[in-house]
């Protein structure tokens, strides 16, 4: 599949990621953003991102919260070959099923199947992907399924996304 040819993402196409992990820094960022989101309007000028952890990273535990894992999976998919040079917009996540807890540093891979594709909107393609996240297994085989979900994405080629951004910026300046 060519990255610049969004039409090549047909129903039934498979996308696979390289091995990825959830890092302690991902958990720290999640906790800090959650904390800052709760106190908006309550003296935010006094808060900095270092105020939560005291400047030194602290261990947050080994279990990964679902939003952190979903974020890492979507990031890994965005860096996979067919989507590498495409502007992605997340539209929905549904049918999330966990088959156990995932831990920090655990090697994971994701396999996504295109379930639905629509190119009705000019310069954009809407796809629904059925995603399965697998634990790493020995001898290069796919391991047990740790998580599955469906995600709706809007895809735009990088060139058309840049043109739209310039047009939006020009309209806002006028």
Protein backbone atom coordinates (compact mmCIF):
# COMPACT_ATOMS: atom_id res chain seq x y z
CA UNK A 1 0.00 0.00 0.00
CA UNK A 2 1.28 3.43 -0.87
CA UNK A 3 1.07 6.05 1.85
CA UNK A 4 -0.04 8.82 -0.50
CA UNK A 5 -2.77 6.71 -2.10
CA UNK A 6 -5.63 6.67 0.40
CA UNK A 7 -7.69 4.67 -2.08
CA UNK A 8 -5.43 1.68 -1.46
CA UNK A 9 -6.93 1.27 2.03
CA UNK A 10 -9.74 -1.01 0.96
CA UNK A 11 -12.04 -3.07 3.16
CA UNK A 12 -10.15 -6.10 4.41
CA UNK A 13 -6.70 -4.48 4.23
CA UNK A 14 -4.40 -5.30 7.14
CA UNK A 15 -2.18 -2.82 8.97
CA UNK A 16 0.45 -4.10 11.36
CA UNK A 17 2.68 -2.22 13.76
CA UNK A 18 6.18 -2.89 14.89
CA UNK A 19 6.64 -3.86 18.53
CA UNK A 20 5.94 -1.03 20.97
CA UNK A 21 5.67 -0.58 24.74
CA UNK A 22 4.06 1.78 27.20
CA UNK A 23 6.88 3.70 28.86
CA UNK A 24 6.93 5.20 32.37
CA UNK A 25 7.03 8.65 30.74
CA UNK A 26 3.66 7.89 29.11
CA UNK A 27 2.14 7.24 32.54
CA UNK A 28 3.70 10.39 33.98
CA UNK A 29 2.29 12.49 31.13
CA UNK A 30 -1.15 10.91 31.60
CA UNK A 31 -1.22 11.58 35.35
CA UNK A 32 0.00 15.16 34.92
CA UNK A 33 -2.51 15.95 32.18
CA UNK A 34 -5.33 14.42 34.25
CA UNK A 35 -4.32 16.47 37.28
CA UNK A 36 -4.00 19.70 35.31
CA UNK A 37 -7.36 19.05 33.63
CA UNK A 38 -9.06 18.80 37.03
CA UNK A 39 -7.73 22.10 38.34
CA UNK A 40 -8.25 24.38 35.35
CA UNK A 41 -9.49 27.69 36.68
CA UNK A 42 -8.18 27.03 40.18
CA UNK A 43 -4.92 28.97 40.18
CA UNK A 44 -3.41 27.41 37.09
CA UNK A 45 -0.79 30.15 37.00
CA UNK A 46 0.75 28.46 40.05
CA UNK A 47 1.02 25.04 38.39
CA UNK A 48 3.72 23.71 36.15
CA UNK A 49 4.13 20.24 34.70
CA UNK A 50 6.96 19.68 37.19
CA UNK A 51 4.71 20.41 40.15
CA UNK A 52 3.08 16.99 40.08
CA UNK A 53 6.21 14.90 40.16
CA UNK A 54 8.36 17.33 42.13
CA UNK A 55 10.81 17.57 39.25
CA UNK A 56 12.00 13.96 39.55
CA UNK A 57 10.14 11.13 37.85
CA UNK A 58 8.38 8.82 40.26
CA UNK A 59 7.32 5.26 39.52
CA UNK A 60 3.56 5.11 38.90
CA UNK A 61 3.17 1.38 39.18
CA UNK A 62 3.19 -1.36 36.61
CA UNK A 63 -0.41 -1.48 35.34
CA UNK A 64 -1.28 0.72 32.36
CA UNK A 65 -4.56 2.68 32.39
CA UNK A 66 -6.71 2.03 29.33
CA UNK A 67 -6.45 5.59 27.89
CA UNK A 68 -2.64 5.35 27.94
CA UNK A 69 -2.64 2.00 26.15
CA UNK A 70 -5.15 3.23 23.55
CA UNK A 71 -2.99 6.29 22.92
CA UNK A 72 0.14 4.19 22.41
CA UNK A 73 -1.70 1.82 20.04
CA UNK A 74 -3.03 4.71 17.95
CA UNK A 75 0.44 6.26 17.87
CA UNK A 76 1.95 2.96 16.70
CA UNK A 77 -0.73 2.64 13.99
CA UNK A 78 -0.08 6.21 12.84
CA UNK A 79 3.57 5.30 12.35
CA UNK A 80 2.83 2.10 10.42
CA UNK A 81 3.67 2.08 6.70
CA UNK A 82 0.31 2.87 5.07
CA UNK A 83 -0.48 5.75 7.47
CA UNK A 84 2.98 7.25 7.97
CA UNK A 85 2.53 10.29 5.69
CA UNK A 86 -1.18 10.80 6.33
CA UNK A 87 -2.85 13.34 8.62
CA UNK A 88 -5.09 11.40 11.05
CA UNK A 89 -8.08 12.73 12.96
CA UNK A 90 -9.59 10.48 15.62
CA UNK A 91 -13.39 10.34 15.28
CA UNK A 92 -14.42 7.51 17.64
CA UNK A 93 -13.31 4.55 19.71
CA UNK A 94 -15.84 1.85 20.51
CA UNK A 95 -16.31 -1.81 21.43
CA UNK A 96 -13.29 -1.84 23.72
CA UNK A 97 -12.63 -5.28 25.22
CA UNK A 98 -9.78 -5.97 27.64
CA UNK A 99 -8.47 -9.49 28.01
CA UNK A 100 -6.24 -8.77 30.98
CA UNK A 101 -4.06 -5.98 32.28
CA UNK A 102 -1.11 -4.62 30.33
CA UNK A 103 2.02 -3.60 32.19
CA UNK A 104 4.62 -0.92 31.63
CA UNK A 105 7.37 -2.15 29.33
CA UNK A 106 5.45 -5.16 28.02
CA UNK A 107 6.16 -5.68 24.29
CA UNK A 108 2.96 -5.32 22.27
CA UNK A 109 2.00 -5.36 18.59
CA UNK A 110 -1.23 -4.25 16.91
CA UNK A 111 -3.03 -5.63 13.88
CA UNK A 112 -5.82 -3.53 12.36
CA UNK A 113 -8.29 -4.62 9.70
CA UNK A 114 -10.14 -2.05 7.60
CA UNK A 115 -13.85 -2.74 8.27
CA UNK A 116 -15.38 0.26 6.51
CA UNK A 117 -14.09 2.87 4.08
CA UNK A 118 -15.80 5.95 2.71
CA UNK A 119 -14.37 8.52 0.34
CA UNK A 120 -17.48 10.69 -0.06
CA UNK A 121 -15.88 13.80 1.42
CA UNK A 122 -13.44 15.47 -1.00
CA UNK A 123 -9.77 15.10 0.00
CA UNK A 124 -10.64 12.86 2.97
CA UNK A 125 -11.16 9.17 3.58
CA UNK A 126 -13.08 7.86 6.57
CA UNK A 127 -12.12 4.39 7.78
CA UNK A 128 -13.21 2.14 10.60
CA UNK A 129 -10.50 -0.20 11.83
CA UNK A 130 -10.95 -3.31 13.96
CA UNK A 131 -7.81 -3.35 16.10
CA UNK A 132 -6.34 -6.25 18.07
CA UNK A 133 -3.42 -5.69 20.42
CA UNK A 134 -1.29 -8.78 21.03
CA UNK A 135 1.32 -9.61 23.61
CA UNK A 136 4.66 -10.67 22.22
CA UNK A 137 5.16 -14.41 21.94
CA UNK A 138 8.25 -16.51 21.56
CA UNK A 139 9.70 -17.43 18.16
CA UNK A 140 8.14 -14.43 16.36
CA UNK A 141 4.56 -15.70 16.54
CA UNK A 142 1.57 -13.55 17.49
CA UNK A 143 0.87 -13.80 21.21
CA UNK A 144 -2.37 -13.74 23.16
CA UNK A 145 -4.84 -10.93 22.49
CA UNK A 146 -4.63 -8.31 25.24
CA UNK A 147 -7.12 -5.75 23.91
CA UNK A 148 -9.48 -5.24 21.00
CA UNK A 149 -11.46 -2.20 19.87
CA UNK A 150 -12.81 -0.36 16.85
CA UNK A 151 -11.58 3.08 15.88
CA UNK A 152 -12.99 5.58 13.40
CA UNK A 153 -10.41 7.78 11.67
CA UNK A 154 -10.49 10.55 9.12
CA UNK A 155 -7.46 10.37 6.84
CA UNK A 156 -6.12 13.18 4.68
CA UNK A 157 -3.00 13.13 2.58
CA UNK A 158 -0.29 15.32 4.06
CA UNK A 159 -0.40 17.62 1.01
CA UNK A 160 -4.15 18.28 1.24
CA UNK A 161 -3.93 18.78 5.02
CA UNK A 162 -1.22 21.43 4.54
CA UNK A 163 -3.31 23.26 1.90
CA UNK A 164 -6.35 23.26 4.22
CA UNK A 165 -4.28 24.55 7.15
CA UNK A 166 -2.98 27.44 5.06
CA UNK A 167 -6.48 28.28 3.84
CA UNK A 168 -7.86 28.21 7.41
CA UNK A 169 -5.00 30.40 8.65
CA UNK A 170 -5.56 32.87 5.80
CA UNK A 171 -9.29 33.08 6.52
CA UNK A 172 -8.65 33.63 10.23
CA UNK A 173 -6.16 36.43 9.52
CA UNK A 174 -8.62 38.26 7.25
